[in-house]
């Protein structure tokens, strides 16, 4: 899997999201920004991201996913302070 492959899977599953993917081999960092995350518990956010990736995780094409999830406002603040 490539970062572009993962980005395409997540963009199809969460069409209103901004999706950034970094990594290589089978280890990736995924940043997803969508206001759908507002009020969601961390586990629900993870489930939303793991859903489209589960088949590839099960096959071993993806070994590790580090997730960063933000609403638009959280993302704006994160960029200001980083």
C-alpha atoms as a PDB file:
ATOM      1  CA  UNK A   1       0.000   0.000   0.000  1.00  0.00           C
ATOM      2  CA  UNK A   2       1.106   3.521  -0.678  1.00  0.00           C
ATOM      3  CA  UNK A   3       0.098   6.694   1.145  1.00  0.00           C
ATOM      4  CA  UNK A   4      -1.969   7.615  -1.928  1.00  0.00           C
ATOM      5  CA  UNK A   5      -3.843   4.288  -1.745  1.00  0.00           C
ATOM      6  CA  UNK A   6      -4.733   4.874   1.899  1.00  0.00           C
ATOM      7  CA  UNK A   7      -5.707   8.471   1.216  1.00  0.00           C
ATOM      8  CA  UNK A   8      -8.039   7.329  -1.569  1.00  0.00           C
ATOM      9  CA  UNK A   9      -9.715   4.738   0.697  1.00  0.00           C
ATOM     10  CA  UNK A  10     -10.285   7.248   3.480  1.00  0.00           C
ATOM     11  CA  UNK A  11     -11.400  10.039   1.138  1.00  0.00           C
ATOM     12  CA  UNK A  12     -14.001   7.708  -0.374  1.00  0.00           C
ATOM     13  CA  UNK A  13     -15.275   6.689   3.073  1.00  0.00           C
ATOM     14  CA  UNK A  14     -15.229  10.211   4.558  1.00  0.00           C
ATOM     15  CA  UNK A  15     -15.751  12.479   1.530  1.00  0.00           C
ATOM     16  CA  UNK A  16     -15.891  15.748   3.465  1.00  0.00           C
ATOM     17  CA  UNK A  17     -12.561  15.095   5.233  1.00  0.00           C
ATOM     18  CA  UNK A  18      -9.123  16.467   4.605  1.00  0.00           C
ATOM     19  CA  UNK A  19      -6.848  13.419   4.634  1.00  0.00           C
ATOM     20  CA  UNK A  20      -3.067  13.441   4.952  1.00  0.00           C
ATOM     21  CA  UNK A  21      -1.069  10.203   4.913  1.00  0.00           C
ATOM     22  CA  UNK A  22       2.633   9.711   5.494  1.00  0.00           C
ATOM     23  CA  UNK A  23       4.683   6.555   5.710  1.00  0.00           C
ATOM     24  CA  UNK A  24       6.075   3.722   3.710  1.00  0.00           C
ATOM     25  CA  UNK A  25       6.176  -0.028   3.669  1.00  0.00           C
ATOM     26  CA  UNK A  26       3.356  -1.037   5.967  1.00  0.00           C
ATOM     27  CA  UNK A  27       3.564   1.712   8.638  1.00  0.00           C
ATOM     28  CA  UNK A  28       1.597   4.924   8.198  1.00  0.00           C
ATOM     29  CA  UNK A  29       0.574   8.080   9.986  1.00  0.00           C
ATOM     30  CA  UNK A  30      -2.906   9.252   9.050  1.00  0.00           C
ATOM     31  CA  UNK A  31      -4.257  12.718   9.786  1.00  0.00           C
ATOM     32  CA  UNK A  32      -7.984  13.161   9.202  1.00  0.00           C
ATOM     33  CA  UNK A  33      -9.731  16.516   9.589  1.00  0.00           C
ATOM     34  CA  UNK A  34     -13.525  16.595   9.531  1.00  0.00           C
ATOM     35  CA  UNK A  35     -16.238  18.225  11.565  1.00  0.00           C
ATOM     36  CA  UNK A  36     -17.910  14.798  11.764  1.00  0.00           C
ATOM     37  CA  UNK A  37     -15.538  14.196  14.687  1.00  0.00           C
ATOM     38  CA  UNK A  38     -17.234  16.889  16.793  1.00  0.00           C
ATOM     39  CA  UNK A  39     -18.518  15.301  19.977  1.00  0.00           C
ATOM     40  CA  UNK A  40     -17.222  11.830  19.100  1.00  0.00           C
ATOM     41  CA  UNK A  41     -15.264   9.727  21.560  1.00  0.00           C
ATOM     42  CA  UNK A  42     -11.725   8.747  20.488  1.00  0.00           C
ATOM     43  CA  UNK A  43     -12.757   5.100  19.957  1.00  0.00           C
ATOM     44  CA  UNK A  44     -15.547   6.127  17.556  1.00  0.00           C
ATOM     45  CA  UNK A  45     -13.076   8.258  15.596  1.00  0.00           C
ATOM     46  CA  UNK A  46     -10.684   5.307  15.366  1.00  0.00           C
ATOM     47  CA  UNK A  47     -13.476   3.022  14.194  1.00  0.00           C
ATOM     48  CA  UNK A  48     -14.379   5.487  11.447  1.00  0.00           C
ATOM     49  CA  UNK A  49     -10.802   5.378  10.168  1.00  0.00           C
ATOM     50  CA  UNK A  50     -10.140   1.672  10.707  1.00  0.00           C
ATOM     51  CA  UNK A  51     -13.337   0.683   8.878  1.00  0.00           C
ATOM     52  CA  UNK A  52     -12.098   1.320   5.330  1.00  0.00           C
ATOM     53  CA  UNK A  53      -8.608   0.011   6.218  1.00  0.00           C
ATOM     54  CA  UNK A  54      -9.542  -3.241   8.018  1.00  0.00           C
ATOM     55  CA  UNK A  55      -9.273  -5.465   4.945  1.00  0.00           C
ATOM     56  CA  UNK A  56      -5.737  -4.202   4.293  1.00  0.00           C
ATOM     57  CA  UNK A  57      -4.752  -4.498   7.949  1.00  0.00           C
ATOM     58  CA  UNK A  58      -6.025  -8.097   7.999  1.00  0.00           C
ATOM     59  CA  UNK A  59      -4.053  -8.919   4.848  1.00  0.00           C
ATOM     60  CA  UNK A  60      -0.853  -7.453   6.308  1.00  0.00           C
ATOM     61  CA  UNK A  61      -0.588  -4.740   3.646  1.00  0.00           C
ATOM     62  CA  UNK A  62      -0.917  -2.255   6.503  1.00  0.00           C
ATOM     63  CA  UNK A  63       0.878  -3.208   9.694  1.00  0.00           C
ATOM     64  CA  UNK A  64       0.616  -0.056  11.800  1.00  0.00           C
ATOM     65  CA  UNK A  65      -1.513   3.078  11.645  1.00  0.00           C
ATOM     66  CA  UNK A  66      -0.889   6.082  13.831  1.00  0.00           C
ATOM     67  CA  UNK A  67      -3.944   8.332  13.795  1.00  0.00           C
ATOM     68  CA  UNK A  68      -4.370  12.016  14.331  1.00  0.00           C
ATOM     69  CA  UNK A  69      -7.995  13.152  14.254  1.00  0.00           C
ATOM     70  CA  UNK A  70      -9.198  16.746  14.313  1.00  0.00           C
ATOM     71  CA  UNK A  71     -12.261  18.878  13.728  1.00  0.00           C
ATOM     72  CA  UNK A  72     -11.624  21.900  11.507  1.00  0.00           C
ATOM     73  CA  UNK A  73     -11.251  24.141  14.576  1.00  0.00           C
ATOM     74  CA  UNK A  74      -8.910  21.704  16.350  1.00  0.00           C
ATOM     75  CA  UNK A  75      -6.797  21.465  13.201  1.00  0.00           C
ATOM     76  CA  UNK A  76      -6.603  25.253  12.890  1.00  0.00           C
ATOM     77  CA  UNK A  77      -5.389  25.494  16.497  1.00  0.00           C
ATOM     78  CA  UNK A  78      -2.928  22.613  16.090  1.00  0.00           C
ATOM     79  CA  UNK A  79      -1.332  24.310  13.080  1.00  0.00           C
ATOM     80  CA  UNK A  80      -1.017  27.590  15.007  1.00  0.00           C
ATOM     81  CA  UNK A  81       0.858  25.975  17.887  1.00  0.00           C
ATOM     82  CA  UNK A  82       3.102  23.575  15.993  1.00  0.00           C
END
